[in-house]
Amino acid sequence: MPFFFRFRDALATLPSALILAILIFAGIQKAVKIQPHVDDSLVQIALTEPEPPVTAPTPPAPVPLQEVKPQPVAKPTQQQSPRPSPPQAVTATPVSNTPNPEVAASTPPKAIAAPIAAPAPPQETPPPAPAAKPNNASIEASYISKLRAHLNSIKRYPTGREASQQRPQGKVKVWFVLNRDGTLVEQGIDESSNSMLLDEAARKTINRATFTAFPESSWAGEATHRFSAELEFIPGAG
């Protein structure tokens, strides 16, 4: 009795272990009995396209025969030949060259047509000589010279203490762009005089100037044009 009491836990699990072993053994036996059946015979599958059904050609419809009726032949008519007429006697009449006085008196004398003078051909008037076109180059050169003369007439020598002390002298080459109506677009210095006073005086001269409009025949096709001028500043010359 103490022996069973000592191993009571192992004896309690013995029925469960026995039942588990029986289930495992039964499952193994069942798995061994099931064998897959393999068929080694080869099956050949041939893919063939079905042949199109042969349709017999339809015979042409029979053409009904038409009866041809014989046409009556016209009998040729006998033409009667004309009988020859007896010849007629022709009497020759003598022709006299002398005119009959009665016929000559009845016919009035023909009027002699006076010769018609042919009209004189119209005289072609010579076309007027084309007016001489003005030379665009000379017009443009004249406009530029007027611009430069106007700028030199309104230039002013710089004033102030610095200008009176330094008394700079030199030439400033300026450029400016004008519209066709003479308005100023932009301006700048092309060649400086190495004096800020003279350069600023040249800029003021361009801003103070009043420019006239372009001549009609000058710088055709240009909305604006760029000009240049040289301004010389001398102390005491204004």
C-alpha atoms as a PDB file:
ATOM      1  CA  MET A   1       0.000   0.000   0.000  1.00  0.00           C
ATOM      2  CA  PRO A   2       2.742   2.532   0.673  1.00  0.00           C
ATOM      3  CA  PHE A   3       4.114   1.656  -2.780  1.00  0.00           C
ATOM      4  CA  PHE A   4       0.905   2.664  -4.621  1.00  0.00           C
ATOM      5  CA  PHE A   5       0.569   5.734  -2.409  1.00  0.00           C
ATOM      6  CA  ARG A   6       4.054   6.837  -3.391  1.00  0.00           C
ATOM      7  CA  PHE A   7       3.393   6.495  -7.113  1.00  0.00           C
ATOM      8  CA  ARG A   8      -0.221   7.685  -7.030  1.00  0.00           C
ATOM      9  CA  ASP A   9       0.394  10.542  -9.480  1.00  0.00           C
ATOM     10  CA  ALA A  10       1.994   8.267 -12.079  1.00  0.00           C
ATOM     11  CA  LEU A  11      -0.791   5.722 -11.692  1.00  0.00           C
ATOM     12  CA  ALA A  12      -3.411   8.475 -12.149  1.00  0.00           C
ATOM     13  CA  THR A  13      -1.931   9.494 -15.541  1.00  0.00           C
ATOM     14  CA  LEU A  14      -1.512   5.890 -16.721  1.00  0.00           C
ATOM     15  CA  PRO A  15      -5.043   5.498 -18.184  1.00  0.00           C
ATOM     16  CA  SER A  16      -4.735   8.732 -20.163  1.00  0.00           C
ATOM     17  CA  ALA A  17      -1.355   7.691 -21.559  1.00  0.00           C
ATOM     18  CA  LEU A  18      -2.735   4.286 -22.503  1.00  0.00           C
ATOM     19  CA  ILE A  19      -5.704   5.782 -24.331  1.00  0.00           C
ATOM     20  CA  LEU A  20      -3.387   8.250 -26.190  1.00  0.00           C
ATOM     21  CA  ALA A  21      -1.129   5.376 -27.274  1.00  0.00           C
ATOM     22  CA  ILE A  22      -4.114   3.405 -28.568  1.00  0.00           C
ATOM     23  CA  LEU A  23      -5.303   6.395 -30.645  1.00  0.00           C
ATOM     24  CA  ILE A  24      -1.855   6.966 -32.117  1.00  0.00           C
ATOM     25  CA  PHE A  25      -1.492   3.313 -33.068  1.00  0.00           C
ATOM     26  CA  ALA A  26      -4.934   3.272 -34.697  1.00  0.00           C
ATOM     27  CA  GLY A  27      -4.091   6.377 -36.723  1.00  0.00           C
ATOM     28  CA  ILE A  28      -0.823   4.848 -37.954  1.00  0.00           C
ATOM     29  CA  GLN A  29      -2.557   1.686 -39.068  1.00  0.00           C
ATOM     30  CA  LYS A  30      -5.175   3.674 -40.977  1.00  0.00           C
ATOM     31  CA  ALA A  31      -2.540   5.814 -42.671  1.00  0.00           C
ATOM     32  CA  VAL A  32      -0.657   2.657 -43.730  1.00  0.00           C
ATOM     33  CA  LYS A  33      -3.759   1.113 -45.246  1.00  0.00           C
ATOM     34  CA  ILE A  34      -4.529   4.131 -47.494  1.00  0.00           C
ATOM     35  CA  GLN A  35      -2.365   3.844 -50.618  1.00  0.00           C
ATOM     36  CA  PRO A  36      -2.742   6.166 -53.601  1.00  0.00           C
ATOM     37  CA  HIS A  37      -3.728   4.458 -56.838  1.00  0.00           C
ATOM     38  CA  VAL A  38      -1.445   5.543 -59.672  1.00  0.00           C
ATOM     39  CA  ASP A  39      -2.553   4.855 -63.230  1.00  0.00           C
ATOM     40  CA  ASP A  40       0.492   4.380 -65.451  1.00  0.00           C
ATOM     41  CA  SER A  41      -1.499   4.278 -68.671  1.00  0.00           C
ATOM     42  CA  LEU A  42      -0.851   7.197 -70.980  1.00  0.00           C
ATOM     43  CA  VAL A  43      -3.711   9.115 -72.399  1.00  0.00           C
ATOM     44  CA  GLN A  44      -3.151  10.784 -75.781  1.00  0.00           C
ATOM     45  CA  ILE A  45      -5.250  13.779 -76.576  1.00  0.00           C
ATOM     46  CA  ALA A  46      -5.216  14.924 -80.181  1.00  0.00           C
ATOM     47  CA  LEU A  47      -6.384  18.427 -80.959  1.00  0.00           C
ATOM     48  CA  THR A  48      -7.841  18.568 -84.447  1.00  0.00           C
ATOM     49  CA  GLU A  49      -9.752  21.372 -86.038  1.00  0.00           C
ATOM     50  CA  PRO A  50     -13.162  20.406 -87.371  1.00  0.00           C
ATOM     51  CA  GLU A  51     -13.299  20.370 -91.140  1.00  0.00           C
ATOM     52  CA  PRO A  52     -15.594  22.994 -92.602  1.00  0.00           C
ATOM     53  CA  PRO A  53     -18.744  21.563 -94.123  1.00  0.00           C
ATOM     54  CA  VAL A  54     -18.579  21.219 -97.907  1.00  0.00           C
ATOM     55  CA  THR A  55     -21.416  23.100 -99.514  1.00  0.00           C
ATOM     56  CA  ALA A  56     -22.444  22.040-102.973  1.00  0.00           C
ATOM     57  CA  PRO A  57     -22.496  24.894-105.519  1.00  0.00           C
ATOM     58  CA  THR A  58     -25.984  26.014-106.336  1.00  0.00           C
ATOM     59  CA  PRO A  59     -26.843  25.395-109.999  1.00  0.00           C
ATOM     60  CA  PRO A  60     -27.706  28.501-112.017  1.00  0.00           C
ATOM     61  CA  ALA A  61     -31.356  29.188-112.548  1.00  0.00           C
ATOM     62  CA  PRO A  62     -32.563  27.992-115.943  1.00  0.00           C
ATOM     63  CA  VAL A  63     -33.186  30.754-118.466  1.00  0.00           C
ATOM     64  CA  PRO A  64     -36.621  30.426-120.093  1.00  0.00           C
ATOM     65  CA  LEU A  65     -36.483  30.050-123.839  1.00  0.00           C
ATOM     66  CA  GLN A  66     -38.199  32.764-125.826  1.00  0.00           C
ATOM     67  CA  GLU A  67     -39.973  32.006-128.982  1.00  0.00           C
ATOM     68  CA  VAL A  68     -38.642  33.875-131.995  1.00  0.00           C
ATOM     69  CA  LYS A  69     -41.422  34.833-134.361  1.00  0.00           C
ATOM     70  CA  PRO A  70     -40.452  35.102-138.007  1.00  0.00           C
ATOM     71  CA  GLN A  71     -40.835  38.636-139.349  1.00  0.00           C
ATOM     72  CA  PRO A  72     -42.545  39.057-142.702  1.00  0.00           C
ATOM     73  CA  VAL A  73     -40.206  40.037-145.510  1.00  0.00           C
ATOM     74  CA  ALA A  74     -41.321  43.108-147.430  1.00  0.00           C
ATOM     75  CA  LYS A  75     -41.599  42.519-151.114  1.00  0.00           C
ATOM     76  CA  PRO A  76     -39.543  44.868-153.272  1.00  0.00           C
ATOM     77  CA  THR A  77     -41.719  47.363-155.114  1.00  0.00           C
ATOM     78  CA  GLN A  78     -41.083  47.859-158.761  1.00  0.00           C
ATOM     79  CA  GLN A  79     -40.223  51.441-159.509  1.00  0.00           C
ATOM     80  CA  GLN A  80     -41.494  52.762-162.743  1.00  0.00           C
ATOM     81  CA  SER A  81     -38.783  54.287-164.835  1.00  0.00           C
ATOM     82  CA  PRO A  82     -39.622  57.836-165.914  1.00  0.00           C
ATOM     83  CA  ARG A  83     -40.311  58.298-169.540  1.00  0.00           C
ATOM     84  CA  PRO A  84     -37.861  60.555-171.406  1.00  0.00           C
ATOM     85  CA  SER A  85     -39.332  63.952-172.265  1.00  0.00           C
ATOM     86  CA  PRO A  86     -39.004  65.166-175.832  1.00  0.00           C
ATOM     87  CA  PRO A  87     -36.189  67.655-176.444  1.00  0.00           C
ATOM     88  CA  GLN A  88     -37.179  71.282-176.616  1.00  0.00           C
ATOM     89  CA  ALA A  89     -35.901  73.543-179.321  1.00  0.00           C
ATOM     90  CA  VAL A  90     -33.649  76.351-178.144  1.00  0.00           C
ATOM     91  CA  THR A  91     -33.589  79.516-180.204  1.00  0.00           C
ATOM     92  CA  ALA A  92     -30.567  81.740-179.939  1.00  0.00           C
ATOM     93  CA  THR A  93     -31.280  85.433-179.524  1.00  0.00           C
ATOM     94  CA  PRO A  94     -28.721  87.909-180.760  1.00  0.00           C
ATOM     95  CA  VAL A  95     -27.148  90.001-178.017  1.00  0.00           C
ATOM     96  CA  SER A  96     -26.502  93.608-178.883  1.00  0.00           C
ATOM     97  CA  ASN A  97     -23.965  95.705-177.054  1.00  0.00           C
ATOM     98  CA  THR A  98     -25.923  98.938-177.600  1.00  0.00           C
ATOM     99  CA  PRO A  99     -28.083  99.790-174.577  1.00  0.00           C
ATOM    100  CA  ASN A 100     -31.791 100.329-174.945  1.00  0.00           C
ATOM    101  CA  PRO A 101     -32.543 104.056-174.897  1.00  0.00           C
ATOM    102  CA  GLU A 102     -35.653 103.602-172.752  1.00  0.00           C
ATOM    103  CA  VAL A 103     -33.767 101.617-170.095  1.00  0.00           C
ATOM    104  CA  ALA A 104     -30.887 104.095-170.108  1.00  0.00           C
ATOM    105  CA  ALA A 105     -33.283 106.993-169.605  1.00  0.00           C
ATOM    106  CA  SER A 106     -35.082 105.309-166.688  1.00  0.00           C
ATOM    107  CA  THR A 107     -31.930 104.517-164.682  1.00  0.00           C
ATOM    108  CA  PRO A 108     -30.599 107.582-162.814  1.00  0.00           C
ATOM    109  CA  PRO A 109     -26.881 108.304-162.897  1.00  0.00           C
ATOM    110  CA  LYS A 110     -24.918 106.892-159.977  1.00  0.00           C
ATOM    111  CA  ALA A 111     -23.641 109.437-157.501  1.00  0.00           C
ATOM    112  CA  ILE A 112     -19.899 109.506-157.109  1.00  0.00           C
ATOM    113  CA  ALA A 113     -19.029 108.997-153.482  1.00  0.00           C
ATOM    114  CA  ALA A 114     -16.663 111.585-152.119  1.00  0.00           C
ATOM    115  CA  PRO A 115     -13.570 110.185-150.441  1.00  0.00           C
ATOM    116  CA  ILE A 116     -13.922 110.091-146.613  1.00  0.00           C
ATOM    117  CA  ALA A 117     -10.983 111.515-144.803  1.00  0.00           C
ATOM    118  CA  ALA A 118      -9.522 109.108-142.218  1.00  0.00           C
ATOM    119  CA  PRO A 119      -9.605 110.474-138.617  1.00  0.00           C
ATOM    120  CA  ALA A 120      -6.279 111.541-137.255  1.00  0.00           C
ATOM    121  CA  PRO A 121      -4.872 109.173-134.613  1.00  0.00           C
ATOM    122  CA  PRO A 122      -5.084 110.575-131.060  1.00  0.00           C
ATOM    123  CA  GLN A 123      -1.846 111.978-129.805  1.00  0.00           C
ATOM    124  CA  GLU A 124      -0.546 110.334-126.652  1.00  0.00           C
ATOM    125  CA  THR A 125       0.283 112.800-123.924  1.00  0.00           C
ATOM    126  CA  PRO A 126       3.609 112.032-122.276  1.00  0.00           C
ATOM    127  CA  PRO A 127       3.292 110.909-118.625  1.00  0.00           C
ATOM    128  CA  PRO A 128       4.243 113.503-116.062  1.00  0.00           C
ATOM    129  CA  ALA A 129       7.748 113.251-114.783  1.00  0.00           C
ATOM    130  CA  PRO A 130       7.864 111.595-111.333  1.00  0.00           C
ATOM    131  CA  ALA A 131       8.562 113.944-108.505  1.00  0.00           C
ATOM    132  CA  ALA A 132      12.067 113.661-107.184  1.00  0.00           C
ATOM    133  CA  LYS A 133      12.105 111.699-103.955  1.00  0.00           C
ATOM    134  CA  PRO A 134      13.888 113.376-101.092  1.00  0.00           C
ATOM    135  CA  ASN A 135      17.174 111.829-100.053  1.00  0.00           C
ATOM    136  CA  ASN A 136      16.576 110.122 -96.705  1.00  0.00           C
ATOM    137  CA  ALA A 137      20.248 110.232 -95.780  1.00  0.00           C
ATOM    138  CA  SER A 138      20.408 114.009 -96.160  1.00  0.00           C
ATOM    139  CA  ILE A 139      17.168 114.462 -94.163  1.00  0.00           C
ATOM    140  CA  GLU A 140      18.454 112.287 -91.327  1.00  0.00           C
ATOM    141  CA  ALA A 141      21.835 114.066 -91.294  1.00  0.00           C
ATOM    142  CA  SER A 142      20.096 117.448 -91.148  1.00  0.00           C
ATOM    143  CA  TYR A 143      17.936 116.307 -88.209  1.00  0.00           C
ATOM    144  CA  ILE A 144      20.990 115.023 -86.277  1.00  0.00           C
ATOM    145  CA  SER A 145      22.882 118.267 -86.827  1.00  0.00           C
ATOM    146  CA  LYS A 146      19.919 120.248 -85.485  1.00  0.00           C
ATOM    147  CA  LEU A 147      19.785 118.038 -82.392  1.00  0.00           C
ATOM    148  CA  ARG A 148      23.467 118.548 -81.630  1.00  0.00           C
ATOM    149  CA  ALA A 149      23.248 122.298 -82.204  1.00  0.00           C
ATOM    150  CA  HIS A 150      20.265 122.472 -79.855  1.00  0.00           C
ATOM    151  CA  LEU A 151      22.112 120.548 -77.105  1.00  0.00           C
ATOM    152  CA  ASN A 152      25.205 122.754 -77.373  1.00  0.00           C
ATOM    153  CA  SER A 153      23.024 125.858 -77.185  1.00  0.00           C
ATOM    154  CA  ILE A 154      21.365 124.812 -73.908  1.00  0.00           C
ATOM    155  CA  LYS A 155      24.349 123.252 -72.113  1.00  0.00           C
ATOM    156  CA  ARG A 156      25.383 124.933 -68.859  1.00  0.00           C
ATOM    157  CA  TYR A 157      28.733 124.811 -67.137  1.00  0.00           C
ATOM    158  CA  PRO A 158      28.382 123.323 -63.618  1.00  0.00           C
ATOM    159  CA  THR A 159      28.054 125.838 -60.816  1.00  0.00           C
ATOM    160  CA  GLY A 160      28.904 125.588 -57.166  1.00  0.00           C
ATOM    161  CA  ARG A 161      31.863 125.825 -54.861  1.00  0.00           C
ATOM    162  CA  GLU A 162      33.453 122.588 -56.049  1.00  0.00           C
ATOM    163  CA  ALA A 163      33.182 123.590 -59.717  1.00  0.00           C
ATOM    164  CA  SER A 164      34.655 127.059 -59.005  1.00  0.00           C
ATOM    165  CA  GLN A 165      37.569 125.492 -57.157  1.00  0.00           C
ATOM    166  CA  GLN A 166      38.350 122.657 -59.574  1.00  0.00           C
ATOM    167  CA  ARG A 167      37.287 124.421 -62.783  1.00  0.00           C
ATOM    168  CA  PRO A 168      37.160 121.154 -64.790  1.00  0.00           C
ATOM    169  CA  GLN A 169      37.332 121.217 -68.574  1.00  0.00           C
ATOM    170  CA  GLY A 170      36.637 118.467 -71.094  1.00  0.00           C
ATOM    171  CA  LYS A 171      34.279 116.735 -73.521  1.00  0.00           C
ATOM    172  CA  VAL A 172      31.451 114.363 -72.684  1.00  0.00           C
ATOM    173  CA  LYS A 173      29.978 112.032 -75.321  1.00  0.00           C
ATOM    174  CA  VAL A 174      26.352 111.233 -74.469  1.00  0.00           C
ATOM    175  CA  TRP A 175      23.797 108.913 -76.056  1.00  0.00           C
ATOM    176  CA  PHE A 176      20.015 109.104 -75.911  1.00  0.00           C
ATOM    177  CA  VAL A 177      17.049 107.253 -77.433  1.00  0.00           C
ATOM    178  CA  LEU A 178      14.039 109.143 -78.805  1.00  0.00           C
ATOM    179  CA  ASN A 179      10.575 108.086 -79.933  1.00  0.00           C
ATOM    180  CA  ARG A 180       9.363 109.240 -83.336  1.00  0.00           C
ATOM    181  CA  ASP A 181       7.409 112.040 -81.661  1.00  0.00           C
ATOM    182  CA  GLY A 182      10.584 113.360 -80.025  1.00  0.00           C
ATOM    183  CA  THR A 183      10.029 112.140 -76.466  1.00  0.00           C
ATOM    184  CA  LEU A 184      13.069 110.953 -74.536  1.00  0.00           C
ATOM    185  CA  VAL A 185      13.181 107.225 -73.712  1.00  0.00           C
ATOM    186  CA  GLU A 186      16.589 106.813 -72.037  1.00  0.00           C
ATOM    187  CA  GLN A 187      20.053 108.381 -72.004  1.00  0.00           C
ATOM    188  CA  GLY A 188      23.567 107.702 -70.780  1.00  0.00           C
ATOM    189  CA  ILE A 189      27.295 108.475 -71.074  1.00  0.00           C
ATOM    190  CA  ASP A 190      29.303 106.983 -73.946  1.00  0.00           C
ATOM    191  CA  GLU A 191      32.651 108.587 -73.123  1.00  0.00           C
ATOM    192  CA  SER A 192      33.255 110.285 -69.776  1.00  0.00           C
ATOM    193  CA  SER A 193      35.261 113.452 -69.288  1.00  0.00           C
ATOM    194  CA  ASN A 194      36.832 112.014 -66.094  1.00  0.00           C
ATOM    195  CA  SER A 195      34.929 114.663 -64.159  1.00  0.00           C
ATOM    196  CA  MET A 196      31.748 113.816 -62.336  1.00  0.00           C
ATOM    197  CA  LEU A 197      30.713 117.486 -62.486  1.00  0.00           C
ATOM    198  CA  LEU A 198      30.922 117.623 -66.294  1.00  0.00           C
ATOM    199  CA  ASP A 199      29.209 114.222 -66.738  1.00  0.00           C
ATOM    200  CA  GLU A 200      26.328 115.312 -64.522  1.00  0.00           C
ATOM    201  CA  ALA A 201      26.055 118.597 -66.425  1.00  0.00           C
ATOM    202  CA  ALA A 202      25.801 116.625 -69.704  1.00  0.00           C
ATOM    203  CA  ARG A 203      22.988 114.455 -68.278  1.00  0.00           C
ATOM    204  CA  LYS A 204      21.094 117.550 -67.164  1.00  0.00           C
ATOM    205  CA  THR A 205      21.483 118.993 -70.663  1.00  0.00           C
ATOM    206  CA  ILE A 206      19.806 115.912 -72.225  1.00  0.00           C
ATOM    207  CA  ASN A 207      16.947 116.006 -69.685  1.00  0.00           C
ATOM    208  CA  ARG A 208      16.424 119.744 -70.243  1.00  0.00           C
ATOM    209  CA  ALA A 209      16.354 119.517 -74.055  1.00  0.00           C
ATOM    210  CA  THR A 210      13.176 119.676 -76.163  1.00  0.00           C
ATOM    211  CA  PHE A 211      13.393 117.412 -79.200  1.00  0.00           C
ATOM    212  CA  THR A 212      11.265 117.698 -82.333  1.00  0.00           C
ATOM    213  CA  ALA A 213       9.518 114.769 -84.045  1.00  0.00           C
ATOM    214  CA  PHE A 214      11.292 112.703 -86.696  1.00  0.00           C
ATOM    215  CA  PRO A 215      10.758 113.632 -90.350  1.00  0.00           C
ATOM    216  CA  GLU A 216       8.252 111.318 -92.071  1.00  0.00           C
ATOM    217  CA  SER A 217      10.743 109.805 -94.531  1.00  0.00           C
ATOM    218  CA  SER A 218      13.539 109.296 -91.974  1.00  0.00           C
ATOM    219  CA  TRP A 219      14.340 105.991 -90.210  1.00  0.00           C
ATOM    220  CA  ALA A 220      11.437 104.174 -91.843  1.00  0.00           C
ATOM    221  CA  GLY A 221      10.139 101.198 -89.860  1.00  0.00           C
ATOM    222  CA  GLU A 222      11.804 102.307 -86.586  1.00  0.00           C
ATOM    223  CA  ALA A 223       9.674 103.262 -83.594  1.00  0.00           C
ATOM    224  CA  THR A 224      12.730 104.614 -81.742  1.00  0.00           C
ATOM    225  CA  HIS A 225      16.251 105.663 -82.729  1.00  0.00           C
ATOM    226  CA  ARG A 226      19.496 106.067 -80.801  1.00  0.00           C
ATOM    227  CA  PHE A 227      21.470 109.303 -81.167  1.00  0.00           C
ATOM    228  CA  SER A 228      24.797 110.508 -79.805  1.00  0.00           C
ATOM    229  CA  ALA A 229      26.304 113.952 -79.271  1.00  0.00           C
ATOM    230  CA  GLU A 230      29.548 115.422 -77.928  1.00  0.00           C
ATOM    231  CA  LEU A 231      29.333 118.278 -75.449  1.00  0.00           C
ATOM    232  CA  GLU A 232      32.413 120.327 -74.602  1.00  0.00           C
ATOM    233  CA  PHE A 233      32.545 122.257 -71.333  1.00  0.00           C
ATOM    234  CA  ILE A 234      34.979 125.169 -70.934  1.00  0.00           C
ATOM    235  CA  PRO A 235      35.146 127.301 -67.773  1.00  0.00           C
ATOM    236  CA  GLY A 236      33.767 130.777 -68.287  1.00  0.00           C
ATOM    237  CA  ALA A 237      32.205 129.849 -71.672  1.00  0.00           C
ATOM    238  CA  GLY A 238      28.749 129.268 -70.230  1.00  0.00           C
END
